[in-house]
N, C-alpha and C. Protein backbone atom coordinates (compact mmCIF):
# COMPACT_ATOMS: atom_id res chain seq x y z
N MET A 1 -96.02 -52.15 21.64
CA MET A 1 -94.63 -51.84 21.61
C MET A 1 -94.27 -51.13 22.91
N THR A 2 -93.24 -51.57 23.54
CA THR A 2 -92.83 -50.93 24.79
C THR A 2 -91.48 -50.24 24.60
N GLY A 3 -91.31 -49.14 25.29
CA GLY A 3 -90.07 -48.39 25.21
C GLY A 3 -90.15 -47.16 26.08
N LYS A 4 -89.27 -46.20 25.79
CA LYS A 4 -89.17 -45.00 26.61
C LYS A 4 -89.27 -43.77 25.72
N ILE A 5 -89.98 -42.76 26.22
CA ILE A 5 -90.08 -41.49 25.50
C ILE A 5 -88.74 -40.77 25.64
N GLU A 6 -88.09 -40.50 24.52
CA GLU A 6 -86.79 -39.83 24.54
C GLU A 6 -86.97 -38.31 24.58
N THR A 7 -87.78 -37.78 23.68
CA THR A 7 -88.00 -36.33 23.62
C THR A 7 -89.45 -36.06 23.27
N GLY A 8 -89.93 -34.89 23.62
CA GLY A 8 -91.26 -34.45 23.24
C GLY A 8 -92.37 -35.09 24.05
N THR A 9 -93.59 -34.78 23.65
CA THR A 9 -94.78 -35.28 24.30
C THR A 9 -95.63 -36.00 23.26
N LEU A 10 -96.20 -37.13 23.64
CA LEU A 10 -97.05 -37.92 22.76
C LEU A 10 -98.43 -38.03 23.36
N LYS A 11 -99.46 -37.88 22.53
CA LYS A 11 -100.85 -37.98 22.99
C LYS A 11 -101.59 -39.03 22.16
N VAL A 12 -102.63 -39.60 22.76
CA VAL A 12 -103.48 -40.53 22.03
C VAL A 12 -104.09 -39.79 20.84
N GLY A 13 -104.05 -40.41 19.67
CA GLY A 13 -104.56 -39.79 18.45
C GLY A 13 -103.49 -39.15 17.60
N ASP A 14 -102.26 -39.01 18.12
CA ASP A 14 -101.18 -38.41 17.35
C ASP A 14 -100.77 -39.32 16.19
N GLN A 15 -100.41 -38.71 15.08
CA GLN A 15 -99.85 -39.43 13.94
C GLN A 15 -98.36 -39.62 14.19
N VAL A 16 -97.84 -40.82 13.92
CA VAL A 16 -96.42 -41.10 14.11
C VAL A 16 -95.89 -41.86 12.90
N VAL A 17 -94.56 -41.88 12.79
CA VAL A 17 -93.87 -42.62 11.74
C VAL A 17 -92.89 -43.56 12.42
N ILE A 18 -92.91 -44.83 12.01
CA ILE A 18 -91.95 -45.81 12.52
C ILE A 18 -90.81 -45.88 11.51
N ARG A 19 -89.60 -45.59 11.95
CA ARG A 19 -88.43 -45.61 11.08
C ARG A 19 -87.50 -46.72 11.53
N GLY A 20 -87.16 -47.60 10.62
CA GLY A 20 -86.27 -48.71 10.95
C GLY A 20 -85.62 -49.29 9.71
N VAL A 21 -85.08 -50.48 9.86
CA VAL A 21 -84.36 -51.13 8.77
C VAL A 21 -85.28 -51.48 7.60
N ASN A 22 -86.57 -51.62 7.85
CA ASN A 22 -87.53 -51.96 6.80
C ASN A 22 -88.18 -50.72 6.18
N GLY A 23 -87.63 -49.55 6.40
CA GLY A 23 -88.20 -48.32 5.86
C GLY A 23 -89.05 -47.59 6.88
N GLU A 24 -90.00 -46.81 6.37
CA GLU A 24 -90.89 -46.03 7.23
C GLU A 24 -92.33 -46.47 7.06
N LYS A 25 -93.06 -46.45 8.17
CA LYS A 25 -94.49 -46.77 8.16
C LYS A 25 -95.21 -45.71 8.97
N ALA A 26 -96.30 -45.18 8.44
CA ALA A 26 -97.10 -44.18 9.15
C ALA A 26 -98.26 -44.88 9.86
N THR A 27 -98.60 -44.41 11.06
CA THR A 27 -99.70 -44.98 11.82
C THR A 27 -100.21 -43.95 12.82
N THR A 28 -101.20 -44.35 13.59
CA THR A 28 -101.80 -43.48 14.61
C THR A 28 -101.72 -44.15 15.97
N VAL A 29 -101.44 -43.38 17.01
CA VAL A 29 -101.40 -43.91 18.38
C VAL A 29 -102.84 -44.04 18.87
N THR A 30 -103.25 -45.27 19.19
CA THR A 30 -104.62 -45.49 19.67
C THR A 30 -104.67 -45.66 21.18
N GLY A 31 -103.51 -45.84 21.82
CA GLY A 31 -103.47 -45.97 23.27
C GLY A 31 -102.06 -45.85 23.81
N ILE A 32 -101.96 -45.37 25.04
CA ILE A 32 -100.68 -45.25 25.75
C ILE A 32 -100.90 -45.86 27.12
N GLU A 33 -100.02 -46.78 27.51
CA GLU A 33 -100.11 -47.40 28.83
C GLU A 33 -98.79 -47.28 29.56
N SER A 34 -98.89 -47.06 30.87
CA SER A 34 -97.71 -47.01 31.73
C SER A 34 -98.04 -47.77 33.00
N PHE A 35 -97.29 -48.80 33.27
CA PHE A 35 -97.53 -49.65 34.44
C PHE A 35 -98.97 -50.15 34.48
N ARG A 36 -99.44 -50.62 33.32
CA ARG A 36 -100.77 -51.21 33.14
C ARG A 36 -101.92 -50.25 33.39
N LYS A 37 -101.66 -48.96 33.28
CA LYS A 37 -102.71 -47.95 33.42
C LYS A 37 -102.75 -47.12 32.14
N ALA A 38 -103.95 -46.88 31.65
CA ALA A 38 -104.11 -46.07 30.44
C ALA A 38 -103.75 -44.62 30.73
N GLN A 39 -103.06 -44.01 29.79
CA GLN A 39 -102.65 -42.61 29.91
C GLN A 39 -103.15 -41.86 28.68
N GLU A 40 -103.38 -40.59 28.81
CA GLU A 40 -103.76 -39.76 27.67
C GLU A 40 -102.55 -39.15 26.98
N GLN A 41 -101.43 -39.03 27.74
CA GLN A 41 -100.22 -38.48 27.14
C GLN A 41 -99.00 -39.04 27.85
N ALA A 42 -97.87 -38.99 27.15
CA ALA A 42 -96.60 -39.45 27.70
C ALA A 42 -95.56 -38.35 27.52
N ASN A 43 -94.67 -38.23 28.50
CA ASN A 43 -93.66 -37.17 28.52
C ASN A 43 -92.26 -37.78 28.50
N PRO A 44 -91.22 -36.96 28.24
CA PRO A 44 -89.85 -37.47 28.20
C PRO A 44 -89.48 -38.25 29.45
N GLY A 45 -88.86 -39.40 29.25
CA GLY A 45 -88.42 -40.25 30.35
C GLY A 45 -89.44 -41.29 30.77
N ASP A 46 -90.69 -41.17 30.31
CA ASP A 46 -91.74 -42.12 30.68
C ASP A 46 -91.54 -43.46 29.99
N PRO A 47 -91.55 -44.57 30.76
CA PRO A 47 -91.57 -45.89 30.13
C PRO A 47 -93.02 -46.23 29.78
N VAL A 48 -93.29 -46.48 28.51
CA VAL A 48 -94.67 -46.69 28.08
C VAL A 48 -94.79 -47.83 27.08
N GLY A 49 -96.01 -48.31 26.98
CA GLY A 49 -96.39 -49.21 25.91
C GLY A 49 -97.31 -48.44 24.99
N LEU A 50 -97.11 -48.59 23.69
CA LEU A 50 -97.93 -47.88 22.72
C LEU A 50 -98.80 -48.86 21.95
N LEU A 51 -100.05 -48.51 21.78
CA LEU A 51 -100.96 -49.26 20.93
C LEU A 51 -101.06 -48.48 19.63
N LEU A 52 -100.75 -49.16 18.52
CA LEU A 52 -100.69 -48.49 17.23
C LEU A 52 -101.71 -49.07 16.26
N LYS A 53 -102.36 -48.22 15.53
CA LYS A 53 -103.43 -48.61 14.61
C LYS A 53 -102.87 -49.38 13.41
N ASP A 54 -103.53 -50.48 13.07
CA ASP A 54 -103.24 -51.27 11.87
C ASP A 54 -101.82 -51.81 11.78
N LEU A 55 -101.17 -52.07 12.92
CA LEU A 55 -99.84 -52.67 12.92
C LEU A 55 -99.83 -53.90 13.81
N SER A 56 -99.00 -54.86 13.45
CA SER A 56 -98.81 -56.02 14.30
C SER A 56 -97.47 -55.90 15.00
N LYS A 57 -97.22 -56.79 15.92
CA LYS A 57 -95.95 -56.79 16.66
C LYS A 57 -94.76 -56.98 15.72
N GLN A 58 -94.95 -57.70 14.64
CA GLN A 58 -93.87 -57.96 13.70
C GLN A 58 -93.51 -56.73 12.85
N ASP A 59 -94.38 -55.73 12.80
CA ASP A 59 -94.11 -54.53 12.01
C ASP A 59 -93.09 -53.60 12.66
N VAL A 60 -92.86 -53.77 13.95
CA VAL A 60 -91.88 -52.95 14.67
C VAL A 60 -90.81 -53.88 15.21
N GLN A 61 -89.56 -53.58 14.90
CA GLN A 61 -88.45 -54.41 15.33
C GLN A 61 -87.59 -53.68 16.35
N HIS A 62 -86.86 -54.43 17.15
CA HIS A 62 -85.97 -53.83 18.14
C HIS A 62 -85.01 -52.88 17.42
N GLY A 63 -84.88 -51.69 17.94
CA GLY A 63 -84.00 -50.69 17.34
C GLY A 63 -84.73 -49.67 16.48
N ASP A 64 -85.99 -49.94 16.12
CA ASP A 64 -86.77 -48.96 15.35
C ASP A 64 -87.09 -47.76 16.23
N GLU A 65 -87.27 -46.62 15.60
CA GLU A 65 -87.68 -45.40 16.31
C GLU A 65 -89.08 -45.03 15.87
N ILE A 66 -89.85 -44.48 16.78
CA ILE A 66 -91.15 -43.95 16.45
C ILE A 66 -91.05 -42.44 16.60
N LEU A 67 -91.31 -41.74 15.50
CA LEU A 67 -91.12 -40.30 15.46
C LEU A 67 -92.44 -39.61 15.16
N GLY A 68 -92.62 -38.44 15.74
CA GLY A 68 -93.76 -37.60 15.40
C GLY A 68 -93.39 -36.78 14.17
N PRO A 69 -94.13 -36.90 13.06
CA PRO A 69 -93.74 -36.20 11.83
C PRO A 69 -93.80 -34.68 11.95
N GLU A 70 -94.64 -34.16 12.85
CA GLU A 70 -94.77 -32.72 12.98
C GLU A 70 -94.35 -32.21 14.35
N THR A 71 -93.75 -33.09 15.18
CA THR A 71 -93.32 -32.70 16.51
C THR A 71 -91.90 -33.17 16.74
N ASP A 72 -91.37 -32.87 17.91
CA ASP A 72 -90.03 -33.32 18.25
C ASP A 72 -90.05 -34.62 19.04
N PHE A 73 -91.15 -35.37 18.96
CA PHE A 73 -91.30 -36.59 19.72
C PHE A 73 -90.42 -37.71 19.17
N THR A 74 -89.73 -38.45 20.08
CA THR A 74 -88.95 -39.63 19.71
C THR A 74 -89.16 -40.70 20.76
N TRP A 75 -89.37 -41.94 20.32
CA TRP A 75 -89.58 -43.10 21.19
C TRP A 75 -88.60 -44.18 20.76
N LYS A 76 -87.97 -44.86 21.71
CA LYS A 76 -87.07 -45.95 21.39
C LYS A 76 -87.38 -47.16 22.28
N PRO A 77 -87.34 -48.36 21.68
CA PRO A 77 -87.56 -49.58 22.46
C PRO A 77 -86.38 -49.90 23.34
């Protein structure tokens, strides 16, 4: 999934929730990439691709948000 970090900081291993028209799904961030380079964390304004555990491309739709349940992190495609 590609998009931009809106707020907060995201790290590999963080638990996140995908919120969209199909409800909410919980998952774990297994990787963060920026310009085809692996990153350990992403900060506000960073354009990134996220690798998410146990999800397919069809599980996230355009307009969904990825939120950190215990942080102020927000990601939008």
